[in-house]
Amino acid sequence: MRIRDFREDDTPEINLIPLIDVVLCLIIFFVVTTTFESRSVLKLQLPRAQGETAQTETTVLDVLVNADGRYFVGDRESLRTDLESLKRTIVEVAGEDRERRVLLRADARTPHQAVVTALDALGQLGFRDISIGTAPEPAQ
């Protein structure tokens, strides 16, 4: 004897609501994280110097060295701290323009070797107009 089951067959279905929620959260996450400015994350303590600030008319290539000796060229971070990796990052950001002004800003607590490596990489790539960024002396 066969007993008939009157329940409907379970048909597999894909519930799109959780998928849409996850995708929407990912989109919001990526939109929010890409709008942060890279310099606001870096807290550099520039060395002190006396003098006037220079007025620039052209675009300047920013090379930042933080207190740990990590390099940031423009808005990109160099993956490693060796010379070749830094040179690759500089070429990716600057392109072929070697007449561009370079502003090297290093934290006052940066190891001296990190600054020398940055200057060496810029010199090997052919950059000649290099300035070192400092902070003004505090008013007394």
C-alpha atoms as a PDB file:
ATOM      1  CA  MET A   1       0.000   0.000   0.000  1.00  0.00           C
ATOM      2  CA  ARG A   2       1.321   3.359  -0.976  1.00  0.00           C
ATOM      3  CA  ILE A   3       0.682   6.313   1.277  1.00  0.00           C
ATOM      4  CA  ARG A   4       0.599   9.514  -0.627  1.00  0.00           C
ATOM      5  CA  ASP A   5       2.325  12.532   0.855  1.00  0.00           C
ATOM      6  CA  PHE A   6       0.392  15.693   0.099  1.00  0.00           C
ATOM      7  CA  ARG A   7       3.207  18.068   0.941  1.00  0.00           C
ATOM      8  CA  GLU A   8       4.700  19.973  -1.916  1.00  0.00           C
ATOM      9  CA  ASP A   9       8.062  18.900  -3.136  1.00  0.00           C
ATOM     10  CA  ASP A  10      10.869  20.988  -1.765  1.00  0.00           C
ATOM     11  CA  THR A  11      12.074  22.999  -4.687  1.00  0.00           C
ATOM     12  CA  PRO A  12      15.441  24.622  -4.182  1.00  0.00           C
ATOM     13  CA  GLU A  13      15.416  28.381  -4.462  1.00  0.00           C
ATOM     14  CA  ILE A  14      18.004  31.070  -4.011  1.00  0.00           C
ATOM     15  CA  ASN A  15      17.055  33.727  -1.536  1.00  0.00           C
ATOM     16  CA  LEU A  16      18.425  36.997  -2.926  1.00  0.00           C
ATOM     17  CA  ILE A  17      17.724  39.227   0.063  1.00  0.00           C
ATOM     18  CA  PRO A  18      20.836  38.201   2.098  1.00  0.00           C
ATOM     19  CA  LEU A  19      22.961  38.360  -1.048  1.00  0.00           C
ATOM     20  CA  ILE A  20      21.783  41.900  -1.779  1.00  0.00           C
ATOM     21  CA  ASP A  21      22.463  42.889   1.844  1.00  0.00           C
ATOM     22  CA  VAL A  22      26.019  41.594   1.691  1.00  0.00           C
ATOM     23  CA  VAL A  23      26.744  43.263  -1.659  1.00  0.00           C
ATOM     24  CA  LEU A  24      25.310  46.564  -0.420  1.00  0.00           C
ATOM     25  CA  CYS A  25      27.471  46.408   2.717  1.00  0.00           C
ATOM     26  CA  LEU A  26      30.566  45.715   0.587  1.00  0.00           C
ATOM     27  CA  ILE A  27      29.804  48.634  -1.716  1.00  0.00           C
ATOM     28  CA  ILE A  28      29.334  50.987   1.235  1.00  0.00           C
ATOM     29  CA  PHE A  29      32.570  49.712   2.823  1.00  0.00           C
ATOM     30  CA  PHE A  30      34.617  50.298  -0.335  1.00  0.00           C
ATOM     31  CA  VAL A  31      33.107  53.731  -0.982  1.00  0.00           C
ATOM     32  CA  VAL A  32      33.827  54.892   2.562  1.00  0.00           C
ATOM     33  CA  THR A  33      37.379  53.523   2.713  1.00  0.00           C
ATOM     34  CA  THR A  34      38.441  54.957  -0.643  1.00  0.00           C
ATOM     35  CA  THR A  35      37.436  58.493   0.286  1.00  0.00           C
ATOM     36  CA  PHE A  36      39.931  58.794   3.143  1.00  0.00           C
ATOM     37  CA  GLU A  37      42.909  60.954   2.369  1.00  0.00           C
ATOM     38  CA  SER A  38      46.176  59.086   2.773  1.00  0.00           C
ATOM     39  CA  ARG A  39      47.944  61.954   4.540  1.00  0.00           C
ATOM     40  CA  SER A  40      45.400  62.065   7.316  1.00  0.00           C
ATOM     41  CA  VAL A  41      46.474  58.566   8.344  1.00  0.00           C
ATOM     42  CA  LEU A  42      50.148  59.446   8.539  1.00  0.00           C
ATOM     43  CA  LYS A  43      51.150  61.433  11.569  1.00  0.00           C
ATOM     44  CA  LEU A  44      54.506  62.932  10.653  1.00  0.00           C
ATOM     45  CA  GLN A  45      56.520  65.028  13.037  1.00  0.00           C
ATOM     46  CA  LEU A  46      58.649  67.096  10.667  1.00  0.00           C
ATOM     47  CA  PRO A  47      62.023  68.424  11.782  1.00  0.00           C
ATOM     48  CA  ARG A  48      62.086  72.123  12.716  1.00  0.00           C
ATOM     49  CA  ALA A  49      63.753  74.803  10.571  1.00  0.00           C
ATOM     50  CA  GLN A  50      63.715  78.551  10.151  1.00  0.00           C
ATOM     51  CA  GLY A  51      62.891  80.194   6.851  1.00  0.00           C
ATOM     52  CA  GLU A  52      60.012  81.030   4.572  1.00  0.00           C
ATOM     53  CA  THR A  53      57.765  78.583   2.808  1.00  0.00           C
ATOM     54  CA  ALA A  54      58.350  78.211  -0.911  1.00  0.00           C
ATOM     55  CA  GLN A  55      55.502  78.887  -3.321  1.00  0.00           C
ATOM     56  CA  THR A  56      55.067  76.143  -5.917  1.00  0.00           C
ATOM     57  CA  GLU A  57      53.410  76.537  -9.304  1.00  0.00           C
ATOM     58  CA  THR A  58      53.846  73.045 -10.683  1.00  0.00           C
ATOM     59  CA  THR A  59      52.696  69.723  -9.371  1.00  0.00           C
ATOM     60  CA  VAL A  60      55.017  68.345  -6.764  1.00  0.00           C
ATOM     61  CA  LEU A  61      55.849  64.688  -6.268  1.00  0.00           C
ATOM     62  CA  ASP A  62      55.425  63.944  -2.559  1.00  0.00           C
ATOM     63  CA  VAL A  63      57.703  61.302  -1.036  1.00  0.00           C
ATOM     64  CA  LEU A  64      56.868  60.619   2.610  1.00  0.00           C
ATOM     65  CA  VAL A  65      58.916  58.565   5.055  1.00  0.00           C
ATOM     66  CA  ASN A  66      57.184  57.738   8.325  1.00  0.00           C
ATOM     67  CA  ALA A  67      58.846  57.056  11.679  1.00  0.00           C
ATOM     68  CA  ASP A  68      59.080  53.325  10.916  1.00  0.00           C
ATOM     69  CA  GLY A  69      60.989  53.923   7.670  1.00  0.00           C
ATOM     70  CA  ARG A  70      58.026  53.074   5.354  1.00  0.00           C
ATOM     71  CA  TYR A  71      57.788  54.989   2.070  1.00  0.00           C
ATOM     72  CA  PHE A  72      54.709  56.671   0.575  1.00  0.00           C
ATOM     73  CA  VAL A  73      54.931  58.176  -2.917  1.00  0.00           C
ATOM     74  CA  GLY A  74      51.929  60.346  -3.712  1.00  0.00           C
ATOM     75  CA  ASP A  75      49.013  58.267  -2.501  1.00  0.00           C
ATOM     76  CA  ARG A  76      50.769  54.900  -2.843  1.00  0.00           C
ATOM     77  CA  GLU A  77      52.737  52.985  -0.261  1.00  0.00           C
ATOM     78  CA  SER A  78      55.901  51.198  -1.288  1.00  0.00           C
ATOM     79  CA  LEU A  79      55.421  47.531  -0.453  1.00  0.00           C
ATOM     80  CA  ARG A  80      58.946  47.017   0.807  1.00  0.00           C
ATOM     81  CA  THR A  81      61.604  49.351   2.136  1.00  0.00           C
ATOM     82  CA  ASP A  82      64.386  48.336  -0.243  1.00  0.00           C
ATOM     83  CA  LEU A  83      65.777  50.585  -2.974  1.00  0.00           C
ATOM     84  CA  GLU A  84      64.350  48.704  -5.997  1.00  0.00           C
ATOM     85  CA  SER A  85      60.821  48.602  -4.600  1.00  0.00           C
ATOM     86  CA  LEU A  86      60.953  52.316  -3.838  1.00  0.00           C
ATOM     87  CA  LYS A  87      62.233  53.087  -7.338  1.00  0.00           C
ATOM     88  CA  ARG A  88      59.392  51.049  -8.887  1.00  0.00           C
ATOM     89  CA  THR A  89      56.811  52.930  -6.834  1.00  0.00           C
ATOM     90  CA  ILE A  90      58.301  56.306  -7.805  1.00  0.00           C
ATOM     91  CA  VAL A  91      58.261  55.374 -11.512  1.00  0.00           C
ATOM     92  CA  GLU A  92      54.631  54.206 -11.266  1.00  0.00           C
ATOM     93  CA  VAL A  93      53.524  57.494  -9.709  1.00  0.00           C
ATOM     94  CA  ALA A  94      55.785  59.993 -11.522  1.00  0.00           C
ATOM     95  CA  GLY A  95      55.873  58.397 -14.955  1.00  0.00           C
ATOM     96  CA  GLU A  96      58.565  59.748 -17.271  1.00  0.00           C
ATOM     97  CA  ASP A  97      58.611  63.327 -15.946  1.00  0.00           C
ATOM     98  CA  ARG A  98      62.058  63.735 -14.346  1.00  0.00           C
ATOM     99  CA  GLU A  99      61.920  67.560 -14.303  1.00  0.00           C
ATOM    100  CA  ARG A 100      59.166  67.458 -11.701  1.00  0.00           C
ATOM    101  CA  ARG A 101      59.868  68.959  -8.269  1.00  0.00           C
ATOM    102  CA  VAL A 102      60.142  66.426  -5.462  1.00  0.00           C
ATOM    103  CA  LEU A 103      59.238  67.200  -1.862  1.00  0.00           C
ATOM    104  CA  LEU A 104      60.798  64.681   0.526  1.00  0.00           C
ATOM    105  CA  ARG A 105      59.053  64.786   3.892  1.00  0.00           C
ATOM    106  CA  ALA A 106      60.450  62.520   6.583  1.00  0.00           C
ATOM    107  CA  ASP A 107      59.375  62.161  10.176  1.00  0.00           C
ATOM    108  CA  ALA A 108      61.890  63.603  12.638  1.00  0.00           C
ATOM    109  CA  ARG A 109      62.168  60.153  14.232  1.00  0.00           C
ATOM    110  CA  THR A 110      62.891  58.410  10.910  1.00  0.00           C
ATOM    111  CA  PRO A 111      66.158  56.462  10.744  1.00  0.00           C
ATOM    112  CA  HIS A 112      68.747  58.371   8.724  1.00  0.00           C
ATOM    113  CA  GLN A 113      69.242  55.370   6.412  1.00  0.00           C
ATOM    114  CA  ALA A 114      65.607  55.583   5.233  1.00  0.00           C
ATOM    115  CA  VAL A 115      66.076  59.204   4.146  1.00  0.00           C
ATOM    116  CA  VAL A 116      69.367  58.390   2.407  1.00  0.00           C
ATOM    117  CA  THR A 117      67.685  55.485   0.581  1.00  0.00           C
ATOM    118  CA  ALA A 118      64.918  57.806  -0.635  1.00  0.00           C
ATOM    119  CA  LEU A 119      67.448  60.393  -1.825  1.00  0.00           C
ATOM    120  CA  ASP A 120      69.470  57.647  -3.523  1.00  0.00           C
ATOM    121  CA  ALA A 121      66.406  56.294  -5.358  1.00  0.00           C
ATOM    122  CA  LEU A 122      65.420  59.770  -6.549  1.00  0.00           C
ATOM    123  CA  GLY A 123      68.969  60.507  -7.695  1.00  0.00           C
ATOM    124  CA  GLN A 124      69.290  57.221  -9.589  1.00  0.00           C
ATOM    125  CA  LEU A 125      66.003  57.898 -11.387  1.00  0.00           C
ATOM    126  CA  GLY A 126      67.228  61.335 -12.524  1.00  0.00           C
ATOM    127  CA  PHE A 127      65.322  63.719 -10.273  1.00  0.00           C
ATOM    128  CA  ARG A 128      67.391  66.833  -9.571  1.00  0.00           C
ATOM    129  CA  ASP A 129      64.954  69.323  -8.006  1.00  0.00           C
ATOM    130  CA  ILE A 130      64.552  67.765  -4.543  1.00  0.00           C
ATOM    131  CA  SER A 131      63.381  69.706  -1.481  1.00  0.00           C
ATOM    132  CA  ILE A 132      63.235  68.457   2.068  1.00  0.00           C
ATOM    133  CA  GLY A 133      60.084  69.397   3.983  1.00  0.00           C
ATOM    134  CA  THR A 134      60.367  70.851   7.477  1.00  0.00           C
ATOM    135  CA  ALA A 135      58.003  72.435   9.969  1.00  0.00           C
ATOM    136  CA  PRO A 136      58.411  76.055  11.109  1.00  0.00           C
ATOM    137  CA  GLU A 137      59.804  76.791  14.550  1.00  0.00           C
ATOM    138  CA  PRO A 138      57.029  77.336  17.087  1.00  0.00           C
ATOM    139  CA  ALA A 139      56.394  80.931  18.113  1.00  0.00           C
ATOM    140  CA  GLN A 140      57.794  81.842  21.529  1.00  0.00           C
END
